[in-house]
N, C-alpha and C. Protein backbone atom coordinates (compact mmCIF):
# COMPACT_ATOMS: atom_id res chain seq x y z
N MET A 1 95.50 27.29 -44.80
CA MET A 1 96.47 27.70 -43.81
C MET A 1 96.03 28.98 -43.09
N LYS A 2 95.39 29.92 -43.82
CA LYS A 2 94.91 31.14 -43.20
C LYS A 2 93.83 30.83 -42.16
N LYS A 3 92.95 29.88 -42.47
CA LYS A 3 91.89 29.52 -41.53
C LYS A 3 92.49 28.93 -40.25
N PHE A 4 93.53 28.11 -40.40
CA PHE A 4 94.18 27.50 -39.24
C PHE A 4 94.83 28.57 -38.36
N LEU A 5 95.58 29.50 -38.96
CA LEU A 5 96.23 30.56 -38.20
C LEU A 5 95.22 31.48 -37.54
N THR A 6 94.14 31.79 -38.24
CA THR A 6 93.09 32.63 -37.67
C THR A 6 92.43 31.93 -36.48
N GLY A 7 92.19 30.64 -36.62
CA GLY A 7 91.60 29.87 -35.52
C GLY A 7 92.51 29.81 -34.31
N MET A 8 93.81 29.61 -34.53
CA MET A 8 94.77 29.57 -33.43
C MET A 8 94.88 30.94 -32.75
N LEU A 9 94.87 31.97 -33.55
CA LEU A 9 94.93 33.33 -33.00
C LEU A 9 93.70 33.60 -32.12
N ALA A 10 92.53 33.23 -32.59
CA ALA A 10 91.31 33.42 -31.82
C ALA A 10 91.36 32.60 -30.53
N LEU A 11 91.89 31.39 -30.59
CA LEU A 11 92.01 30.54 -29.42
C LEU A 11 92.96 31.16 -28.40
N LEU A 12 94.09 31.67 -28.84
CA LEU A 12 95.06 32.28 -27.93
C LEU A 12 94.52 33.56 -27.30
N ILE A 13 93.83 34.36 -28.09
CA ILE A 13 93.24 35.59 -27.55
C ILE A 13 92.18 35.25 -26.51
N GLY A 14 91.35 34.28 -26.81
CA GLY A 14 90.30 33.87 -25.86
C GLY A 14 90.90 33.33 -24.57
N ALA A 15 91.99 32.57 -24.68
CA ALA A 15 92.64 32.02 -23.48
C ALA A 15 93.26 33.13 -22.65
N SER A 16 93.89 34.11 -23.30
CA SER A 16 94.53 35.18 -22.55
C SER A 16 93.49 36.08 -21.87
N VAL A 17 92.35 36.28 -22.50
CA VAL A 17 91.29 37.09 -21.89
C VAL A 17 90.70 36.38 -20.69
N SER A 18 90.55 35.08 -20.78
CA SER A 18 89.95 34.34 -19.66
C SER A 18 90.89 34.26 -18.47
N MET A 19 92.20 34.41 -18.69
CA MET A 19 93.17 34.37 -17.59
C MET A 19 93.49 35.75 -17.04
N ALA A 20 92.87 36.78 -17.55
CA ALA A 20 93.14 38.14 -17.07
C ALA A 20 92.69 38.27 -15.63
N GLN A 21 93.38 39.12 -14.90
CA GLN A 21 93.04 39.31 -13.50
C GLN A 21 91.71 40.03 -13.36
N THR A 22 90.96 39.60 -12.38
CA THR A 22 89.70 40.27 -12.09
C THR A 22 89.91 41.19 -10.91
N THR A 23 89.05 42.17 -10.77
CA THR A 23 89.16 43.08 -9.64
C THR A 23 88.69 42.38 -8.38
N ALA A 24 89.30 42.72 -7.28
CA ALA A 24 88.94 42.12 -6.00
C ALA A 24 87.59 42.69 -5.56
N PRO A 25 86.76 41.86 -4.94
CA PRO A 25 85.48 42.38 -4.46
C PRO A 25 85.70 43.38 -3.33
N ALA A 26 84.87 44.38 -3.29
CA ALA A 26 85.00 45.43 -2.28
C ALA A 26 84.64 44.86 -0.92
N LYS A 27 85.39 45.30 0.10
CA LYS A 27 85.11 44.84 1.45
C LYS A 27 83.86 45.56 1.96
N THR A 28 82.92 44.80 2.45
CA THR A 28 81.69 45.41 2.93
C THR A 28 81.69 45.61 4.43
N ALA A 29 82.45 44.81 5.15
CA ALA A 29 82.46 44.92 6.61
C ALA A 29 83.44 46.01 7.04
N LYS A 30 82.97 46.95 7.85
CA LYS A 30 83.83 48.00 8.36
C LYS A 30 84.12 47.71 9.83
N LYS A 31 85.35 48.04 10.22
CA LYS A 31 85.70 47.86 11.62
C LYS A 31 85.12 49.03 12.41
N GLU A 32 84.50 48.70 13.51
CA GLU A 32 83.94 49.74 14.36
C GLU A 32 84.90 50.00 15.50
N LYS A 33 85.04 51.25 15.87
CA LYS A 33 85.90 51.61 16.97
C LYS A 33 85.16 51.36 18.28
N PRO A 34 85.89 51.08 19.34
CA PRO A 34 85.23 50.94 20.64
C PRO A 34 84.52 52.24 21.02
N LYS A 35 83.46 52.13 21.76
CA LYS A 35 82.66 53.31 22.11
C LYS A 35 83.45 54.32 22.93
N THR A 36 84.39 53.85 23.74
CA THR A 36 85.16 54.78 24.56
C THR A 36 86.04 55.67 23.68
N GLU A 37 86.57 55.12 22.60
CA GLU A 37 87.41 55.91 21.71
C GLU A 37 86.57 56.91 20.92
N GLN A 38 85.36 56.55 20.56
CA GLN A 38 84.50 57.46 19.82
C GLN A 38 84.11 58.66 20.68
N LYS A 39 83.90 58.46 21.96
CA LYS A 39 83.53 59.57 22.83
C LYS A 39 84.69 60.55 23.00
N ALA A 40 85.91 60.04 23.01
CA ALA A 40 87.08 60.91 23.21
C ALA A 40 87.30 61.84 22.02
N VAL A 41 86.92 61.42 20.84
CA VAL A 41 87.15 62.20 19.63
C VAL A 41 86.01 63.18 19.38
N SER A 42 84.90 63.05 20.05
CA SER A 42 83.71 63.85 19.75
C SER A 42 83.78 65.26 20.32
N ASP A 43 84.93 65.87 20.33
CA ASP A 43 85.10 67.24 20.78
C ASP A 43 84.41 68.17 19.78
N THR A 44 83.70 69.17 20.26
CA THR A 44 82.93 70.04 19.37
C THR A 44 83.81 71.01 18.59
N THR A 45 85.04 71.27 19.05
CA THR A 45 85.89 72.22 18.36
C THR A 45 86.60 71.60 17.16
N LYS A 46 86.67 70.28 17.10
CA LYS A 46 87.36 69.61 16.01
C LYS A 46 86.36 69.18 14.94
N LYS A 47 86.73 69.37 13.70
CA LYS A 47 85.90 68.90 12.60
C LYS A 47 86.32 67.46 12.30
N LEU A 48 85.33 66.59 12.14
CA LEU A 48 85.61 65.16 11.98
C LEU A 48 85.18 64.67 10.61
N LYS A 49 85.84 63.59 10.17
CA LYS A 49 85.43 62.91 8.95
C LYS A 49 84.30 61.96 9.30
N LYS A 50 83.74 61.30 8.29
CA LYS A 50 82.62 60.38 8.52
C LYS A 50 82.99 59.23 9.45
N ASP A 51 84.26 58.79 9.39
CA ASP A 51 84.67 57.67 10.24
C ASP A 51 85.04 58.09 11.65
N GLY A 52 84.97 59.39 11.96
CA GLY A 52 85.19 59.86 13.31
C GLY A 52 86.60 60.35 13.58
N THR A 53 87.51 60.27 12.63
CA THR A 53 88.86 60.74 12.84
C THR A 53 88.93 62.23 12.53
N PRO A 54 89.86 62.96 13.14
CA PRO A 54 89.98 64.39 12.87
C PRO A 54 90.34 64.66 11.41
N ASP A 55 89.72 65.66 10.82
CA ASP A 55 89.98 66.03 9.43
C ASP A 55 91.17 66.97 9.39
N LYS A 56 92.29 66.54 8.81
CA LYS A 56 93.53 67.30 8.82
C LYS A 56 93.53 68.49 7.87
N ARG A 57 92.45 68.70 7.14
CA ARG A 57 92.38 69.86 6.24
C ARG A 57 92.15 71.15 7.02
N PHE A 58 91.65 71.04 8.24
CA PHE A 58 91.32 72.22 9.03
C PHE A 58 92.46 72.55 9.99
N LYS A 59 92.67 73.83 10.22
CA LYS A 59 93.81 74.30 11.00
C LYS A 59 93.79 73.77 12.44
N GLU A 60 92.63 73.69 13.05
CA GLU A 60 92.57 73.26 14.44
C GLU A 60 92.92 71.78 14.62
N ASN A 61 92.92 71.01 13.53
CA ASN A 61 93.24 69.59 13.62
C ASN A 61 94.67 69.27 13.21
N LYS A 62 95.39 70.26 12.69
CA LYS A 62 96.77 70.02 12.25
C LYS A 62 97.70 70.08 13.45
N PRO A 63 98.79 69.29 13.40
CA PRO A 63 99.76 69.36 14.50
C PRO A 63 100.47 70.71 14.50
N THR A 64 100.86 71.19 15.68
CA THR A 64 101.51 72.49 15.78
C THR A 64 102.96 72.41 15.35
N GLU A 65 103.56 71.24 15.47
CA GLU A 65 104.95 71.07 15.07
C GLU A 65 105.01 70.64 13.61
N GLY A 66 106.12 70.93 12.98
CA GLY A 66 106.32 70.52 11.60
C GLY A 66 106.84 69.10 11.51
N PRO A 67 107.24 68.69 10.32
CA PRO A 67 107.75 67.34 10.11
C PRO A 67 109.03 67.08 10.90
N LYS A 68 109.26 65.82 11.22
CA LYS A 68 110.45 65.44 11.97
C LYS A 68 111.33 64.52 11.13
N LYS A 69 112.62 64.47 11.50
CA LYS A 69 113.55 63.56 10.85
C LYS A 69 113.32 62.15 11.40
N LYS A 70 114.03 61.19 10.84
CA LYS A 70 113.90 59.81 11.29
C LYS A 70 114.30 59.64 12.76
N ASP A 71 115.25 60.45 13.22
CA ASP A 71 115.69 60.32 14.61
C ASP A 71 114.79 61.07 15.58
N GLY A 72 113.75 61.76 15.11
CA GLY A 72 112.78 62.42 15.97
C GLY A 72 113.02 63.89 16.21
N THR A 73 114.12 64.43 15.71
CA THR A 73 114.39 65.85 15.89
C THR A 73 113.65 66.66 14.82
N PRO A 74 113.30 67.91 15.10
CA PRO A 74 112.58 68.72 14.10
C PRO A 74 113.44 68.96 12.86
N ASP A 75 112.81 68.89 11.70
CA ASP A 75 113.51 69.11 10.43
C ASP A 75 113.50 70.61 10.15
N LYS A 76 114.65 71.25 10.17
CA LYS A 76 114.77 72.71 10.05
C LYS A 76 114.55 73.22 8.63
N ARG A 77 114.31 72.35 7.69
CA ARG A 77 114.03 72.80 6.32
C ARG A 77 112.62 73.38 6.20
N TYR A 78 111.76 73.08 7.16
CA TYR A 78 110.37 73.51 7.10
C TYR A 78 110.15 74.74 7.98
N LYS A 79 109.27 75.62 7.54
CA LYS A 79 109.01 76.89 8.21
C LYS A 79 108.48 76.69 9.64
N ALA A 80 107.66 75.69 9.84
CA ALA A 80 107.08 75.45 11.16
C ALA A 80 108.15 75.12 12.18
N ASN A 81 109.28 74.58 11.77
CA ASN A 81 110.33 74.20 12.71
C ASN A 81 111.42 75.27 12.85
N LYS A 82 111.42 76.30 12.03
CA LYS A 82 112.49 77.30 12.07
C LYS A 82 112.29 78.33 13.17
N LYS A 83 111.09 78.52 13.66
CA LYS A 83 110.86 79.58 14.65
C LYS A 83 111.46 79.26 16.01
N SER A 84 111.83 78.02 16.27
CA SER A 84 112.42 77.69 17.57
C SER A 84 113.92 77.59 17.51
């Protein structure tokens, strides 16, 4: 009886491992931006990421206004919006 239960346990474990989800393959194709858009972003004063978008870690690339509410008005809880 022990051999039978051990065999069934091994069979169930093997079946569950084979049905486990596999990781999705990484996408190799990258979308390229149109050349006109790439030229517009190539300003020398802005620091860019590898994909050509402005890097928001730098002050010159951050928006001057603070966060907004859902209706589009400035959210006064933030310091950037309190000065006005």
